[in-house]
Amino acid sequence: MAKTSPRLKARLRRKQHIRKHISGTAERPRMAVFRSSKHIYAQIVDDEQGVTIAAASSLIPEIKSKAGDLEDKKAVAKEVGRIIAQRAKEKGVNTIAFDRGGYLYHGRIKALADAAREVGLDF
């Protein structure tokens, strides 16, 4: 049986603490962010209905085609933030609750959030 690293356990504990207080509704859905070592994923979720309204990640073709032009992972995160915000606005979502998933609001997470704010999402 594989051991879970202490860092992962701590992040999951923080994530549970955050999720006790943040829940997505139809009027204010939750933007959930997941960050792996290579990629970043974001989705906007209505927790009451249990549906994903919009999603974007560093694996979608729009970003993969630009991957050579983007200099680092922070630039990729900014692009994911712009795309998720555009897709949310197309679906009529203007206000969200930001769920950082237990990660520090720093680096790629902050870059994604700032880019989403620039496009016009409120949180």
C-alpha atoms as a PDB file:
ATOM      1  CA  MET A   1       0.000   0.000   0.000  1.00  0.00           C
ATOM      2  CA  ALA A   2       1.387   3.400  -0.998  1.00  0.00           C
ATOM      3  CA  LYS A   3       2.018   6.026   1.643  1.00  0.00           C
ATOM      4  CA  THR A   4       0.449   9.440   1.285  1.00  0.00           C
ATOM      5  CA  SER A   5       2.967  12.229   1.609  1.00  0.00           C
ATOM      6  CA  PRO A   6       2.626  14.601   4.571  1.00  0.00           C
ATOM      7  CA  ARG A   7       2.392  17.566   2.172  1.00  0.00           C
ATOM      8  CA  LEU A   8      -0.552  15.982   0.348  1.00  0.00           C
ATOM      9  CA  LYS A   9      -2.258  15.129   3.643  1.00  0.00           C
ATOM     10  CA  ALA A  10      -1.868  18.735   4.805  1.00  0.00           C
ATOM     11  CA  ARG A  11      -3.260  20.104   1.520  1.00  0.00           C
ATOM     12  CA  LEU A  12      -6.257  17.775   1.667  1.00  0.00           C
ATOM     13  CA  ARG A  13      -6.919  18.829   5.260  1.00  0.00           C
ATOM     14  CA  ARG A  14      -6.839  22.503   4.194  1.00  0.00           C
ATOM     15  CA  LYS A  15      -9.080  21.679   1.228  1.00  0.00           C
ATOM     16  CA  GLN A  16     -11.700  20.101   3.506  1.00  0.00           C
ATOM     17  CA  HIS A  17     -11.579  23.129   5.802  1.00  0.00           C
ATOM     18  CA  ILE A  18     -12.162  25.454   2.835  1.00  0.00           C
ATOM     19  CA  ARG A  19     -14.975  23.322   1.412  1.00  0.00           C
ATOM     20  CA  LYS A  20     -16.877  23.510   4.726  1.00  0.00           C
ATOM     21  CA  HIS A  21     -17.316  27.220   4.062  1.00  0.00           C
ATOM     22  CA  ILE A  22     -17.489  27.473   0.256  1.00  0.00           C
ATOM     23  CA  SER A  23     -20.310  26.001  -1.799  1.00  0.00           C
ATOM     24  CA  GLY A  24     -21.414  26.853  -5.317  1.00  0.00           C
ATOM     25  CA  THR A  25     -24.958  27.953  -6.051  1.00  0.00           C
ATOM     26  CA  ALA A  26     -26.728  28.811  -9.294  1.00  0.00           C
ATOM     27  CA  GLU A  27     -26.248  32.548  -8.606  1.00  0.00           C
ATOM     28  CA  ARG A  28     -22.653  32.200  -7.364  1.00  0.00           C
ATOM     29  CA  PRO A  29     -20.992  28.978  -8.548  1.00  0.00           C
ATOM     30  CA  ARG A  30     -17.655  27.770  -7.208  1.00  0.00           C
ATOM     31  CA  MET A  31     -14.468  27.904  -9.273  1.00  0.00           C
ATOM     32  CA  ALA A  32     -12.424  24.855  -8.256  1.00  0.00           C
ATOM     33  CA  VAL A  33      -8.726  24.801  -9.136  1.00  0.00           C
ATOM     34  CA  PHE A  34      -6.400  21.799  -9.272  1.00  0.00           C
ATOM     35  CA  ARG A  35      -2.680  22.161  -9.835  1.00  0.00           C
ATOM     36  CA  SER A  36      -0.414  19.268 -10.728  1.00  0.00           C
ATOM     37  CA  SER A  37       3.314  19.494 -11.320  1.00  0.00           C
ATOM     38  CA  LYS A  38       2.846  19.914 -15.092  1.00  0.00           C
ATOM     39  CA  HIS A  39      -0.704  21.174 -15.636  1.00  0.00           C
ATOM     40  CA  ILE A  40      -3.444  23.313 -14.113  1.00  0.00           C
ATOM     41  CA  TYR A  41      -7.187  22.707 -14.266  1.00  0.00           C
ATOM     42  CA  ALA A  42     -10.147  24.935 -13.397  1.00  0.00           C
ATOM     43  CA  GLN A  43     -13.860  24.313 -13.438  1.00  0.00           C
ATOM     44  CA  ILE A  44     -16.916  26.292 -12.439  1.00  0.00           C
ATOM     45  CA  VAL A  45     -19.355  24.127 -10.513  1.00  0.00           C
ATOM     46  CA  ASP A  46     -22.926  24.531  -9.282  1.00  0.00           C
ATOM     47  CA  ASP A  47     -22.861  22.305  -6.190  1.00  0.00           C
ATOM     48  CA  GLU A  48     -26.635  22.441  -5.634  1.00  0.00           C
ATOM     49  CA  GLN A  49     -27.360  20.874  -9.030  1.00  0.00           C
ATOM     50  CA  GLY A  50     -24.104  18.908  -9.148  1.00  0.00           C
ATOM     51  CA  VAL A  51     -23.138  20.171 -12.612  1.00  0.00           C
ATOM     52  CA  THR A  52     -20.022  21.678 -14.131  1.00  0.00           C
ATOM     53  CA  ILE A  53     -20.885  24.918 -15.908  1.00  0.00           C
ATOM     54  CA  ALA A  54     -17.509  25.562 -17.558  1.00  0.00           C
ATOM     55  CA  ALA A  55     -14.073  23.997 -17.524  1.00  0.00           C
ATOM     56  CA  ALA A  56     -10.602  24.733 -18.849  1.00  0.00           C
ATOM     57  CA  SER A  57      -7.154  23.271 -18.389  1.00  0.00           C
ATOM     58  CA  SER A  58      -3.662  23.484 -19.766  1.00  0.00           C
ATOM     59  CA  LEU A  59      -4.463  20.399 -21.860  1.00  0.00           C
ATOM     60  CA  ILE A  60      -7.094  21.994 -24.129  1.00  0.00           C
ATOM     61  CA  PRO A  61      -6.022  22.501 -27.775  1.00  0.00           C
ATOM     62  CA  GLU A  62      -6.228  26.327 -27.560  1.00  0.00           C
ATOM     63  CA  ILE A  63      -3.469  26.346 -24.932  1.00  0.00           C
ATOM     64  CA  LYS A  64      -1.486  23.349 -26.169  1.00  0.00           C
ATOM     65  CA  SER A  65      -1.000  25.095 -29.530  1.00  0.00           C
ATOM     66  CA  LYS A  66       0.386  28.179 -27.712  1.00  0.00           C
ATOM     67  CA  ALA A  67       2.515  26.154 -25.281  1.00  0.00           C
ATOM     68  CA  GLY A  68       5.746  26.968 -27.125  1.00  0.00           C
ATOM     69  CA  ASP A  69       4.975  30.710 -27.048  1.00  0.00           C
ATOM     70  CA  LEU A  70       4.163  30.761 -23.331  1.00  0.00           C
ATOM     71  CA  GLU A  71       7.389  31.075 -21.378  1.00  0.00           C
ATOM     72  CA  ASP A  72       6.490  29.325 -18.112  1.00  0.00           C
ATOM     73  CA  LYS A  73       3.759  27.597 -16.120  1.00  0.00           C
ATOM     74  CA  LYS A  74       2.540  30.918 -14.708  1.00  0.00           C
ATOM     75  CA  ALA A  75       1.831  32.184 -18.225  1.00  0.00           C
ATOM     76  CA  VAL A  76      -0.082  28.978 -18.953  1.00  0.00           C
ATOM     77  CA  ALA A  77      -2.112  29.492 -15.748  1.00  0.00           C
ATOM     78  CA  LYS A  78      -2.968  33.048 -16.854  1.00  0.00           C
ATOM     79  CA  GLU A  79      -4.217  31.735 -20.181  1.00  0.00           C
ATOM     80  CA  VAL A  80      -6.345  29.082 -18.428  1.00  0.00           C
ATOM     81  CA  GLY A  81      -7.793  31.845 -16.217  1.00  0.00           C
ATOM     82  CA  ARG A  82      -8.708  33.955 -19.245  1.00  0.00           C
ATOM     83  CA  ILE A  83     -10.348  31.042 -21.039  1.00  0.00           C
ATOM     84  CA  ILE A  84     -12.352  29.840 -18.011  1.00  0.00           C
ATOM     85  CA  ALA A  85     -13.595  33.393 -17.410  1.00  0.00           C
ATOM     86  CA  GLN A  86     -14.633  33.803 -21.047  1.00  0.00           C
ATOM     87  CA  ARG A  87     -16.484  30.484 -21.002  1.00  0.00           C
ATOM     88  CA  ALA A  88     -18.221  31.423 -17.754  1.00  0.00           C
ATOM     89  CA  LYS A  89     -19.320  34.795 -19.134  1.00  0.00           C
ATOM     90  CA  GLU A  90     -20.721  33.048 -22.231  1.00  0.00           C
ATOM     91  CA  LYS A  91     -22.863  30.920 -19.884  1.00  0.00           C
ATOM     92  CA  GLY A  92     -24.064  34.027 -18.009  1.00  0.00           C
ATOM     93  CA  VAL A  93     -21.889  33.630 -14.892  1.00  0.00           C
ATOM     94  CA  ASN A  94     -20.411  36.903 -13.628  1.00  0.00           C
ATOM     95  CA  THR A  95     -19.830  36.200  -9.912  1.00  0.00           C
ATOM     96  CA  ILE A  96     -18.091  33.148  -8.463  1.00  0.00           C
ATOM     97  CA  ALA A  97     -16.722  31.779  -5.200  1.00  0.00           C
ATOM     98  CA  PHE A  98     -13.029  30.942  -5.600  1.00  0.00           C
ATOM     99  CA  ASP A  99     -11.965  27.537  -4.245  1.00  0.00           C
ATOM    100  CA  ARG A 100      -8.174  27.374  -4.251  1.00  0.00           C
ATOM    101  CA  GLY A 101      -8.252  23.679  -3.364  1.00  0.00           C
ATOM    102  CA  GLY A 102      -5.978  23.917  -0.353  1.00  0.00           C
ATOM    103  CA  TYR A 103      -3.150  25.513  -2.319  1.00  0.00           C
ATOM    104  CA  LEU A 104      -1.562  28.780  -1.216  1.00  0.00           C
ATOM    105  CA  TYR A 105      -2.933  31.839  -2.999  1.00  0.00           C
ATOM    106  CA  HIS A 106       0.428  32.326  -4.653  1.00  0.00           C
ATOM    107  CA  GLY A 107       2.164  31.650  -7.956  1.00  0.00           C
ATOM    108  CA  ARG A 108       0.070  29.799 -10.524  1.00  0.00           C
ATOM    109  CA  ILE A 109      -3.125  29.903  -8.439  1.00  0.00           C
ATOM    110  CA  LYS A 110      -2.864  33.684  -8.069  1.00  0.00           C
ATOM    111  CA  ALA A 111      -2.016  34.108 -11.766  1.00  0.00           C
ATOM    112  CA  LEU A 112      -5.117  32.137 -12.771  1.00  0.00           C
ATOM    113  CA  ALA A 113      -7.348  34.144 -10.410  1.00  0.00           C
ATOM    114  CA  ASP A 114      -5.953  37.515 -11.520  1.00  0.00           C
ATOM    115  CA  ALA A 115      -6.424  36.650 -15.196  1.00  0.00           C
ATOM    116  CA  ALA A 116     -10.050  35.622 -14.538  1.00  0.00           C
ATOM    117  CA  ARG A 117     -10.624  38.948 -12.756  1.00  0.00           C
ATOM    118  CA  GLU A 118      -9.142  40.873 -15.706  1.00  0.00           C
ATOM    119  CA  VAL A 119     -11.710  39.293 -18.042  1.00  0.00           C
ATOM    120  CA  GLY A 120     -14.508  40.370 -15.709  1.00  0.00           C
ATOM    121  CA  LEU A 121     -15.323  37.645 -13.186  1.00  0.00           C
ATOM    122  CA  ASP A 122     -16.139  38.971  -9.712  1.00  0.00           C
ATOM    123  CA  PHE A 123     -14.856  37.159  -6.610  1.00  0.00           C
END
